[in-house]
């Protein structure tokens, strides 16, 4: 029987010994880095449609709210006019909870042109910019209610808003420490960050829908308060009703589009494309 050559044995050992590392690198490879998951023309058209439509709606709802406040609610003020001070509340809350948070979610899910660490930083930046907007919006409504001697936390809108703010702060703190601070020990914290991703993503989407629900209930509450307002013509009240209804419909549409963008899979079923699977 002819003996097996030494070089053949060495080649077999090399293949079998290095196979686990090769498989490990394949598992760790991200979806967007895998050439097998390249998008086709229809996928790119869908991607561009979502980006363009969501951008128009996220900016449009803020502009529409600003138009409503400026032309039908007498603009802005601070402590010198409590009624006008209240008008800062819807603008700042929609800017923070809807426009900035919506862009933050979509950038994390859809941005494919830069490294993933930069996407994380942009995602955090948009949420960080939203914090002062939300804080000022909260202070303005409290100060306005105190000046007008109104009770705080008496409605569904106020309690939904309180829960939304609490969840937002919790999400920001957990996300900052779990996905940025823990990167200093990337290999040791990989399993922990992997476990946190689906929780953070699911709670983030739930928080976005809570913000939409808070905004819609706030519009309804404001409309009920002003329905019997004196000194305003019935024609102006009707136009204002249409504007607030348009804001509410736009908010719900934004929620649907953002949810679709986060959960949509336009790649092979075996590919990891959901935001809940990205670290």
C-alpha atoms as a PDB file:
ATOM      1  CA  UNK A   1       0.000   0.000   0.000  1.00  0.00           C
ATOM      2  CA  UNK A   2       1.407   3.346  -1.038  1.00  0.00           C
ATOM      3  CA  UNK A   3       2.043   5.760   1.890  1.00  0.00           C
ATOM      4  CA  UNK A   4       0.237   9.139   1.910  1.00  0.00           C
ATOM      5  CA  UNK A   5       2.453  12.089   1.081  1.00  0.00           C
ATOM      6  CA  UNK A   6       3.341  14.509   3.864  1.00  0.00           C
ATOM      7  CA  UNK A   7       2.279  17.667   1.937  1.00  0.00           C
ATOM      8  CA  UNK A   8      -1.194  16.162   1.397  1.00  0.00           C
ATOM      9  CA  UNK A   9      -1.612  15.602   5.156  1.00  0.00           C
ATOM     10  CA  UNK A  10      -0.438  19.169   5.861  1.00  0.00           C
ATOM     11  CA  UNK A  11      -2.967  20.580   3.390  1.00  0.00           C
ATOM     12  CA  UNK A  12      -5.819  18.628   4.998  1.00  0.00           C
ATOM     13  CA  UNK A  13      -4.793  19.833   8.448  1.00  0.00           C
ATOM     14  CA  UNK A  14      -4.667  23.419   7.217  1.00  0.00           C
ATOM     15  CA  UNK A  15      -8.185  23.214   5.756  1.00  0.00           C
ATOM     16  CA  UNK A  16      -9.792  21.590   8.776  1.00  0.00           C
ATOM     17  CA  UNK A  17      -7.981  23.721  11.358  1.00  0.00           C
ATOM     18  CA  UNK A  18      -8.871  27.014   9.687  1.00  0.00           C
ATOM     19  CA  UNK A  19     -12.435  26.105   8.833  1.00  0.00           C
ATOM     20  CA  UNK A  20     -13.982  27.319  12.158  1.00  0.00           C
ATOM     21  CA  UNK A  21     -12.402  30.763  11.767  1.00  0.00           C
ATOM     22  CA  UNK A  22     -13.661  30.935   8.211  1.00  0.00           C
ATOM     23  CA  UNK A  23     -17.177  30.013   9.294  1.00  0.00           C
ATOM     24  CA  UNK A  24     -16.985  32.522  12.135  1.00  0.00           C
ATOM     25  CA  UNK A  25     -16.094  35.334   9.743  1.00  0.00           C
ATOM     26  CA  UNK A  26     -19.002  34.337   7.515  1.00  0.00           C
ATOM     27  CA  UNK A  27     -21.413  34.483  10.448  1.00  0.00           C
ATOM     28  CA  UNK A  28     -20.174  37.881  11.581  1.00  0.00           C
ATOM     29  CA  UNK A  29     -20.379  39.410   8.117  1.00  0.00           C
ATOM     30  CA  UNK A  30     -23.129  41.993   7.936  1.00  0.00           C
ATOM     31  CA  UNK A  31     -25.985  41.785   5.503  1.00  0.00           C
ATOM     32  CA  UNK A  32     -24.973  44.909   3.583  1.00  0.00           C
ATOM     33  CA  UNK A  33     -21.367  43.642   3.255  1.00  0.00           C
ATOM     34  CA  UNK A  34     -22.381  40.336   1.662  1.00  0.00           C
ATOM     35  CA  UNK A  35     -22.306  40.490  -2.159  1.00  0.00           C
ATOM     36  CA  UNK A  36     -24.881  37.677  -2.307  1.00  0.00           C
ATOM     37  CA  UNK A  37     -27.465  40.091  -0.899  1.00  0.00           C
ATOM     38  CA  UNK A  38     -27.039  42.817  -3.517  1.00  0.00           C
ATOM     39  CA  UNK A  39     -30.249  44.694  -4.300  1.00  0.00           C
ATOM     40  CA  UNK A  40     -31.901  44.638  -7.686  1.00  0.00           C
ATOM     41  CA  UNK A  41     -33.512  47.584  -9.495  1.00  0.00           C
ATOM     42  CA  UNK A  42     -36.926  47.135  -7.830  1.00  0.00           C
ATOM     43  CA  UNK A  43     -35.336  47.072  -4.377  1.00  0.00           C
ATOM     44  CA  UNK A  44     -33.496  50.326  -5.032  1.00  0.00           C
ATOM     45  CA  UNK A  45     -36.680  51.957  -6.389  1.00  0.00           C
ATOM     46  CA  UNK A  46     -38.537  50.921  -3.232  1.00  0.00           C
ATOM     47  CA  UNK A  47     -35.664  52.233  -1.112  1.00  0.00           C
ATOM     48  CA  UNK A  48     -35.675  55.638  -2.852  1.00  0.00           C
ATOM     49  CA  UNK A  49     -39.471  55.865  -2.641  1.00  0.00           C
ATOM     50  CA  UNK A  50     -39.428  55.264   1.128  1.00  0.00           C
ATOM     51  CA  UNK A  51     -36.609  57.780   1.648  1.00  0.00           C
ATOM     52  CA  UNK A  52     -38.263  60.525  -0.426  1.00  0.00           C
ATOM     53  CA  UNK A  53     -41.786  59.974   0.910  1.00  0.00           C
ATOM     54  CA  UNK A  54     -40.733  59.732   4.549  1.00  0.00           C
ATOM     55  CA  UNK A  55     -38.579  62.871   4.256  1.00  0.00           C
ATOM     56  CA  UNK A  56     -41.473  64.852   2.757  1.00  0.00           C
ATOM     57  CA  UNK A  57     -43.875  63.697   5.472  1.00  0.00           C
ATOM     58  CA  UNK A  58     -41.492  64.152   8.426  1.00  0.00           C
ATOM     59  CA  UNK A  59     -40.626  67.696   7.375  1.00  0.00           C
ATOM     60  CA  UNK A  60     -44.154  68.408   6.131  1.00  0.00           C
ATOM     61  CA  UNK A  61     -45.884  67.561   9.423  1.00  0.00           C
ATOM     62  CA  UNK A  62     -43.577  69.976  11.262  1.00  0.00           C
ATOM     63  CA  UNK A  63     -44.193  72.735   8.697  1.00  0.00           C
ATOM     64  CA  UNK A  64     -47.951  72.121   8.813  1.00  0.00           C
ATOM     65  CA  UNK A  65     -47.964  72.303  12.624  1.00  0.00           C
ATOM     66  CA  UNK A  66     -45.941  75.512  12.491  1.00  0.00           C
ATOM     67  CA  UNK A  67     -48.413  76.980   9.988  1.00  0.00           C
ATOM     68  CA  UNK A  68     -51.349  76.035  12.224  1.00  0.00           C
ATOM     69  CA  UNK A  69     -49.796  77.625  15.307  1.00  0.00           C
ATOM     70  CA  UNK A  70     -48.647  80.795  13.547  1.00  0.00           C
ATOM     71  CA  UNK A  71     -51.821  81.590  11.607  1.00  0.00           C
ATOM     72  CA  UNK A  72     -54.595  80.088  13.744  1.00  0.00           C
ATOM     73  CA  UNK A  73     -53.188  80.065  17.311  1.00  0.00           C
ATOM     74  CA  UNK A  74     -51.562  83.550  17.355  1.00  0.00           C
ATOM     75  CA  UNK A  75     -47.915  82.462  17.275  1.00  0.00           C
ATOM     76  CA  UNK A  76     -45.421  82.055  20.120  1.00  0.00           C
ATOM     77  CA  UNK A  77     -44.468  83.771  23.367  1.00  0.00           C
ATOM     78  CA  UNK A  78     -43.008  82.844  26.724  1.00  0.00           C
ATOM     79  CA  UNK A  79     -44.189  83.762  30.227  1.00  0.00           C
ATOM     80  CA  UNK A  80     -45.639  87.133  29.159  1.00  0.00           C
ATOM     81  CA  UNK A  81     -48.485  85.338  27.359  1.00  0.00           C
ATOM     82  CA  UNK A  82     -49.392  81.890  28.757  1.00  0.00           C
ATOM     83  CA  UNK A  83     -51.758  81.050  25.888  1.00  0.00           C
ATOM     84  CA  UNK A  84     -49.062  81.715  23.305  1.00  0.00           C
ATOM     85  CA  UNK A  85     -46.494  79.990  25.483  1.00  0.00           C
ATOM     86  CA  UNK A  86     -48.567  76.832  25.199  1.00  0.00           C
ATOM     87  CA  UNK A  87     -48.141  77.000  21.412  1.00  0.00           C
ATOM     88  CA  UNK A  88     -44.480  76.032  21.807  1.00  0.00           C
ATOM     89  CA  UNK A  89     -45.605  72.662  23.139  1.00  0.00           C
ATOM     90  CA  UNK A  90     -47.001  71.081  19.924  1.00  0.00           C
ATOM     91  CA  UNK A  91     -44.172  72.437  17.755  1.00  0.00           C
ATOM     92  CA  UNK A  92     -41.343  71.256  19.991  1.00  0.00           C
ATOM     93  CA  UNK A  93     -42.898  67.875  20.750  1.00  0.00           C
ATOM     94  CA  UNK A  94     -43.550  67.072  17.098  1.00  0.00           C
ATOM     95  CA  UNK A  95     -40.042  68.301  16.207  1.00  0.00           C
ATOM     96  CA  UNK A  96     -38.439  66.074  18.874  1.00  0.00           C
ATOM     97  CA  UNK A  97     -40.629  62.983  19.039  1.00  0.00           C
ATOM     98  CA  UNK A  98     -41.710  62.750  15.397  1.00  0.00           C
ATOM     99  CA  UNK A  99     -39.404  64.568  12.964  1.00  0.00           C
ATOM    100  CA  UNK A 100     -36.005  64.069  14.626  1.00  0.00           C
ATOM    101  CA  UNK A 101     -36.799  60.614  16.055  1.00  0.00           C
ATOM    102  CA  UNK A 102     -38.307  59.517  12.742  1.00  0.00           C
ATOM    103  CA  UNK A 103     -35.184  60.549  10.841  1.00  0.00           C
ATOM    104  CA  UNK A 104     -33.035  58.819  13.458  1.00  0.00           C
ATOM    105  CA  UNK A 105     -34.892  55.514  13.031  1.00  0.00           C
ATOM    106  CA  UNK A 106     -34.883  55.682   9.227  1.00  0.00           C
ATOM    107  CA  UNK A 107     -31.196  56.608   9.029  1.00  0.00           C
ATOM    108  CA  UNK A 108     -30.254  53.621  11.174  1.00  0.00           C
ATOM    109  CA  UNK A 109     -32.363  51.286   9.057  1.00  0.00           C
ATOM    110  CA  UNK A 110     -31.769  52.683   5.574  1.00  0.00           C
ATOM    111  CA  UNK A 111     -28.330  54.318   5.551  1.00  0.00           C
ATOM    112  CA  UNK A 112     -26.012  52.095   3.493  1.00  0.00           C
ATOM    113  CA  UNK A 113     -23.349  54.550   2.313  1.00  0.00           C
ATOM    114  CA  UNK A 114     -21.140  54.846   5.434  1.00  0.00           C
ATOM    115  CA  UNK A 115     -19.638  52.534   8.042  1.00  0.00           C
ATOM    116  CA  UNK A 116     -22.014  51.157  10.639  1.00  0.00           C
ATOM    117  CA  UNK A 117     -20.316  52.961  13.546  1.00  0.00           C
ATOM    118  CA  UNK A 118     -20.993  56.287  11.799  1.00  0.00           C
ATOM    119  CA  UNK A 119     -24.630  55.288  11.350  1.00  0.00           C
ATOM    120  CA  UNK A 120     -24.823  54.655  15.111  1.00  0.00           C
ATOM    121  CA  UNK A 121     -23.366  58.080  15.850  1.00  0.00           C
ATOM    122  CA  UNK A 122     -25.805  59.822  13.485  1.00  0.00           C
ATOM    123  CA  UNK A 123     -28.663  57.824  15.042  1.00  0.00           C
ATOM    124  CA  UNK A 124     -27.596  58.984  18.517  1.00  0.00           C
ATOM    125  CA  UNK A 125     -27.061  62.593  17.338  1.00  0.00           C
ATOM    126  CA  UNK A 126     -30.637  62.962  16.079  1.00  0.00           C
ATOM    127  CA  UNK A 127     -32.013  61.588  19.346  1.00  0.00           C
ATOM    128  CA  UNK A 128     -29.681  63.860  21.343  1.00  0.00           C
ATOM    129  CA  UNK A 129     -30.930  66.924  19.424  1.00  0.00           C
ATOM    130  CA  UNK A 130     -34.509  65.821  20.161  1.00  0.00           C
ATOM    131  CA  UNK A 131     -33.906  65.934  23.939  1.00  0.00           C
ATOM    132  CA  UNK A 132     -33.810  69.759  24.345  1.00  0.00           C
ATOM    133  CA  UNK A 133     -36.869  70.075  22.072  1.00  0.00           C
ATOM    134  CA  UNK A 134     -38.820  67.647  24.248  1.00  0.00           C
ATOM    135  CA  UNK A 135     -37.602  69.262  27.492  1.00  0.00           C
ATOM    136  CA  UNK A 136     -38.576  72.778  26.368  1.00  0.00           C
ATOM    137  CA  UNK A 137     -41.941  71.520  25.117  1.00  0.00           C
ATOM    138  CA  UNK A 138     -42.597  69.915  28.502  1.00  0.00           C
ATOM    139  CA  UNK A 139     -41.579  73.061  30.417  1.00  0.00           C
ATOM    140  CA  UNK A 140     -43.700  75.337  28.214  1.00  0.00           C
ATOM    141  CA  UNK A 141     -46.924  73.395  28.770  1.00  0.00           C
ATOM    142  CA  UNK A 142     -46.334  73.151  32.529  1.00  0.00           C
ATOM    143  CA  UNK A 143     -45.605  76.863  32.840  1.00  0.00           C
ATOM    144  CA  UNK A 144     -48.638  77.726  30.708  1.00  0.00           C
ATOM    145  CA  UNK A 145     -50.961  75.532  32.768  1.00  0.00           C
ATOM    146  CA  UNK A 146     -49.639  76.957  36.026  1.00  0.00           C
ATOM    147  CA  UNK A 147     -50.132  80.528  34.816  1.00  0.00           C
ATOM    148  CA  UNK A 148     -53.668  79.761  33.632  1.00  0.00           C
ATOM    149  CA  UNK A 149     -54.369  77.718  36.798  1.00  0.00           C
ATOM    150  CA  UNK A 150     -55.068  74.529  34.865  1.00  0.00           C
ATOM    151  CA  UNK A 151     -54.621  71.047  36.300  1.00  0.00           C
ATOM    152  CA  UNK A 152     -51.694  68.994  34.978  1.00  0.00           C
ATOM    153  CA  UNK A 153     -51.951  65.296  34.103  1.00  0.00           C
ATOM    154  CA  UNK A 154     -55.720  65.230  33.910  1.00  0.00           C
ATOM    155  CA  UNK A 155     -56.195  63.668  30.455  1.00  0.00           C
ATOM    156  CA  UNK A 156     -55.231  60.628  28.393  1.00  0.00           C
ATOM    157  CA  UNK A 157     -52.965  62.833  26.285  1.00  0.00           C
ATOM    158  CA  UNK A 158     -50.934  64.027  29.263  1.00  0.00           C
ATOM    159  CA  UNK A 159     -50.394  60.513  30.639  1.00  0.00           C
ATOM    160  CA  UNK A 160     -49.491  59.092  27.241  1.00  0.00           C
ATOM    161  CA  UNK A 161     -46.986  61.921  26.840  1.00  0.00           C
ATOM    162  CA  UNK A 162     -45.508  61.240  30.269  1.00  0.00           C
ATOM    163  CA  UNK A 163     -45.031  57.533  29.477  1.00  0.00           C
ATOM    164  CA  UNK A 164     -43.543  58.429  26.071  1.00  0.00           C
ATOM    165  CA  UNK A 165     -40.986  60.774  27.639  1.00  0.00           C
ATOM    166  CA  UNK A 166     -40.014  58.216  30.262  1.00  0.00           C
ATOM    167  CA  UNK A 167     -39.514  55.487  27.679  1.00  0.00           C
ATOM    168  CA  UNK A 168     -37.557  57.866  25.434  1.00  0.00           C
ATOM    169  CA  UNK A 169     -35.085  58.723  28.216  1.00  0.00           C
ATOM    170  CA  UNK A 170     -34.724  55.056  29.165  1.00  0.00           C
ATOM    171  CA  UNK A 171     -34.110  54.083  25.536  1.00  0.00           C
ATOM    172  CA  UNK A 172     -31.490  56.793  25.075  1.00  0.00           C
ATOM    173  CA  UNK A 173     -29.552  55.835  28.211  1.00  0.00           C
ATOM    174  CA  UNK A 174     -29.650  52.098  27.454  1.00  0.00           C
ATOM    175  CA  UNK A 175     -28.714  52.642  23.816  1.00  0.00           C
ATOM    176  CA  UNK A 176     -25.826  54.961  24.665  1.00  0.00           C
ATOM    177  CA  UNK A 177     -24.231  52.557  27.141  1.00  0.00           C
ATOM    178  CA  UNK A 178     -25.076  49.312  25.341  1.00  0.00           C
ATOM    179  CA  UNK A 179     -24.101  50.198  21.770  1.00  0.00           C
ATOM    180  CA  UNK A 180     -21.481  52.932  22.146  1.00  0.00           C
ATOM    181  CA  UNK A 181     -19.773  52.672  25.539  1.00  0.00           C
ATOM    182  CA  UNK A 182     -19.597  48.860  25.360  1.00  0.00           C
ATOM    183  CA  UNK A 183     -17.751  49.088  22.037  1.00  0.00           C
ATOM    184  CA  UNK A 184     -14.559  49.718  24.027  1.00  0.00           C
ATOM    185  CA  UNK A 185     -14.687  45.972  24.752  1.00  0.00           C
ATOM    186  CA  UNK A 186     -16.290  44.925  21.494  1.00  0.00           C
ATOM    187  CA  UNK A 187     -15.454  41.208  21.542  1.00  0.00           C
ATOM    188  CA  UNK A 188     -16.335  40.635  25.203  1.00  0.00           C
ATOM    189  CA  UNK A 189     -19.654  42.499  24.991  1.00  0.00           C
ATOM    190  CA  UNK A 190     -20.782  41.073  21.644  1.00  0.00           C
ATOM    191  CA  UNK A 191     -23.255  38.579  23.119  1.00  0.00           C
ATOM    192  CA  UNK A 192     -24.718  41.204  25.464  1.00  0.00           C
ATOM    193  CA  UNK A 193     -25.176  43.708  22.644  1.00  0.00           C
ATOM    194  CA  UNK A 194     -26.680  41.008  20.436  1.00  0.00           C
ATOM    195  CA  UNK A 195     -29.274  40.260  23.102  1.00  0.00           C
ATOM    196  CA  UNK A 196     -30.070  43.965  23.568  1.00  0.00           C
ATOM    197  CA  UNK A 197     -30.595  44.799  19.873  1.00  0.00           C
ATOM    198  CA  UNK A 198     -34.100  43.306  19.392  1.00  0.00           C
ATOM    199  CA  UNK A 199     -35.278  44.743  22.737  1.00  0.00           C
ATOM    200  CA  UNK A 200     -33.950  48.216  21.966  1.00  0.00           C
ATOM    201  CA  UNK A 201     -35.351  48.203  18.420  1.00  0.00           C
ATOM    202  CA  UNK A 202     -38.794  46.929  19.408  1.00  0.00           C
ATOM    203  CA  UNK A 203     -39.129  49.394  22.293  1.00  0.00           C
ATOM    204  CA  UNK A 204     -37.924  52.197  20.025  1.00  0.00           C
ATOM    205  CA  UNK A 205     -40.632  51.499  17.476  1.00  0.00           C
ATOM    206  CA  UNK A 206     -43.233  51.194  20.257  1.00  0.00           C
ATOM    207  CA  UNK A 207     -42.041  54.523  21.667  1.00  0.00           C
ATOM    208  CA  UNK A 208     -42.436  56.146  18.234  1.00  0.00           C
ATOM    209  CA  UNK A 209     -46.033  54.930  18.002  1.00  0.00           C
ATOM    210  CA  UNK A 210     -46.677  56.170  21.563  1.00  0.00           C
ATOM    211  CA  UNK A 211     -45.439  59.591  20.456  1.00  0.00           C
ATOM    212  CA  UNK A 212     -47.852  59.508  17.512  1.00  0.00           C
ATOM    213  CA  UNK A 213     -50.721  58.487  19.799  1.00  0.00           C
ATOM    214  CA  UNK A 214     -49.828  61.292  22.216  1.00  0.00           C
ATOM    215  CA  UNK A 215     -49.757  63.830  19.387  1.00  0.00           C
ATOM    216  CA  UNK A 216     -53.107  62.728  17.949  1.00  0.00           C
ATOM    217  CA  UNK A 217     -54.838  62.756  21.354  1.00  0.00           C
ATOM    218  CA  UNK A 218     -53.302  66.182  21.999  1.00  0.00           C
ATOM    219  CA  UNK A 219     -54.803  67.526  18.767  1.00  0.00           C
ATOM    220  CA  UNK A 220     -58.210  66.126  19.729  1.00  0.00           C
ATOM    221  CA  UNK A 221     -57.960  67.623  23.210  1.00  0.00           C
ATOM    222  CA  UNK A 222     -56.979  71.044  21.847  1.00  0.00           C
ATOM    223  CA  UNK A 223     -59.821  70.986  19.325  1.00  0.00           C
ATOM    224  CA  UNK A 224     -62.348  70.231  22.071  1.00  0.00           C
ATOM    225  CA  UNK A 225     -61.045  73.139  24.140  1.00  0.00           C
ATOM    226  CA  UNK A 226     -61.333  75.640  21.271  1.00  0.00           C
ATOM    227  CA  UNK A 227     -64.606  74.473  19.707  1.00  0.00           C
ATOM    228  CA  UNK A 228     -66.615  77.046  21.685  1.00  0.00           C
ATOM    229  CA  UNK A 229     -63.965  79.770  21.480  1.00  0.00           C
ATOM    230  CA  UNK A 230     -65.496  83.236  21.077  1.00  0.00           C
ATOM    231  CA  UNK A 231     -64.245  85.843  18.611  1.00  0.00           C
ATOM    232  CA  UNK A 232     -63.400  83.286  15.912  1.00  0.00           C
ATOM    233  CA  UNK A 233     -65.528  82.910  12.795  1.00  0.00           C
ATOM    234  CA  UNK A 234     -67.076  79.563  11.929  1.00  0.00           C
ATOM    235  CA  UNK A 235     -65.149  79.584   8.652  1.00  0.00           C
ATOM    236  CA  UNK A 236     -61.808  79.875  10.457  1.00  0.00           C
ATOM    237  CA  UNK A 237     -62.825  77.108  12.863  1.00  0.00           C
ATOM    238  CA  UNK A 238     -63.656  74.863   9.923  1.00  0.00           C
ATOM    239  CA  UNK A 239     -60.306  75.530   8.208  1.00  0.00           C
ATOM    240  CA  UNK A 240     -58.471  74.939  11.500  1.00  0.00           C
ATOM    241  CA  UNK A 241     -60.345  71.666  11.903  1.00  0.00           C
ATOM    242  CA  UNK A 242     -59.152  70.552   8.466  1.00  0.00           C
ATOM    243  CA  UNK A 243     -55.572  71.525   9.289  1.00  0.00           C
ATOM    244  CA  UNK A 244     -55.492  69.606  12.582  1.00  0.00           C
ATOM    245  CA  UNK A 245     -57.113  66.611  10.881  1.00  0.00           C
ATOM    246  CA  UNK A 246     -54.433  66.743   8.167  1.00  0.00           C
ATOM    247  CA  UNK A 247     -51.737  66.798  10.851  1.00  0.00           C
ATOM    248  CA  UNK A 248     -53.276  63.735  12.519  1.00  0.00           C
ATOM    249  CA  UNK A 249     -53.546  61.787   9.253  1.00  0.00           C
ATOM    250  CA  UNK A 250     -49.949  62.691   8.373  1.00  0.00           C
ATOM    251  CA  UNK A 251     -48.730  61.461  11.754  1.00  0.00           C
ATOM    252  CA  UNK A 252     -50.428  58.077  11.314  1.00  0.00           C
ATOM    253  CA  UNK A 253     -49.065  57.799   7.754  1.00  0.00           C
ATOM    254  CA  UNK A 254     -45.560  58.490   9.050  1.00  0.00           C
ATOM    255  CA  UNK A 255     -45.964  55.711  11.614  1.00  0.00           C
ATOM    256  CA  UNK A 256     -47.014  53.251   8.912  1.00  0.00           C
ATOM    257  CA  UNK A 257     -44.121  54.171   6.599  1.00  0.00           C
ATOM    258  CA  UNK A 258     -41.509  54.030   9.367  1.00  0.00           C
ATOM    259  CA  UNK A 259     -42.813  50.642  10.536  1.00  0.00           C
ATOM    260  CA  UNK A 260     -42.761  49.364   6.951  1.00  0.00           C
ATOM    261  CA  UNK A 261     -39.209  50.619   6.442  1.00  0.00           C
ATOM    262  CA  UNK A 262     -37.970  49.024   9.666  1.00  0.00           C
ATOM    263  CA  UNK A 263     -39.597  45.633   9.161  1.00  0.00           C
ATOM    264  CA  UNK A 264     -39.540  45.349   5.355  1.00  0.00           C
ATOM    265  CA  UNK A 265     -37.400  42.576   3.859  1.00  0.00           C
ATOM    266  CA  UNK A 266     -36.676  42.985   0.155  1.00  0.00           C
ATOM    267  CA  UNK A 267     -33.797  40.524   0.118  1.00  0.00           C
ATOM    268  CA  UNK A 268     -33.555  36.712   0.287  1.00  0.00           C
ATOM    269  CA  UNK A 269     -35.373  35.191   3.241  1.00  0.00           C
ATOM    270  CA  UNK A 270     -32.116  33.922   4.734  1.00  0.00           C
ATOM    271  CA  UNK A 271     -30.538  37.396   4.819  1.00  0.00           C
ATOM    272  CA  UNK A 272     -30.410  39.385   8.047  1.00  0.00           C
ATOM    273  CA  UNK A 273     -32.083  42.604   7.042  1.00  0.00           C
ATOM    274  CA  UNK A 274     -34.244  43.569  10.014  1.00  0.00           C
ATOM    275  CA  UNK A 275     -33.078  46.416  12.212  1.00  0.00           C
ATOM    276  CA  UNK A 276     -33.574  44.087  15.176  1.00  0.00           C
ATOM    277  CA  UNK A 277     -30.680  41.972  13.898  1.00  0.00           C
ATOM    278  CA  UNK A 278     -28.141  44.744  13.379  1.00  0.00           C
ATOM    279  CA  UNK A 279     -25.557  45.453  16.094  1.00  0.00           C
END
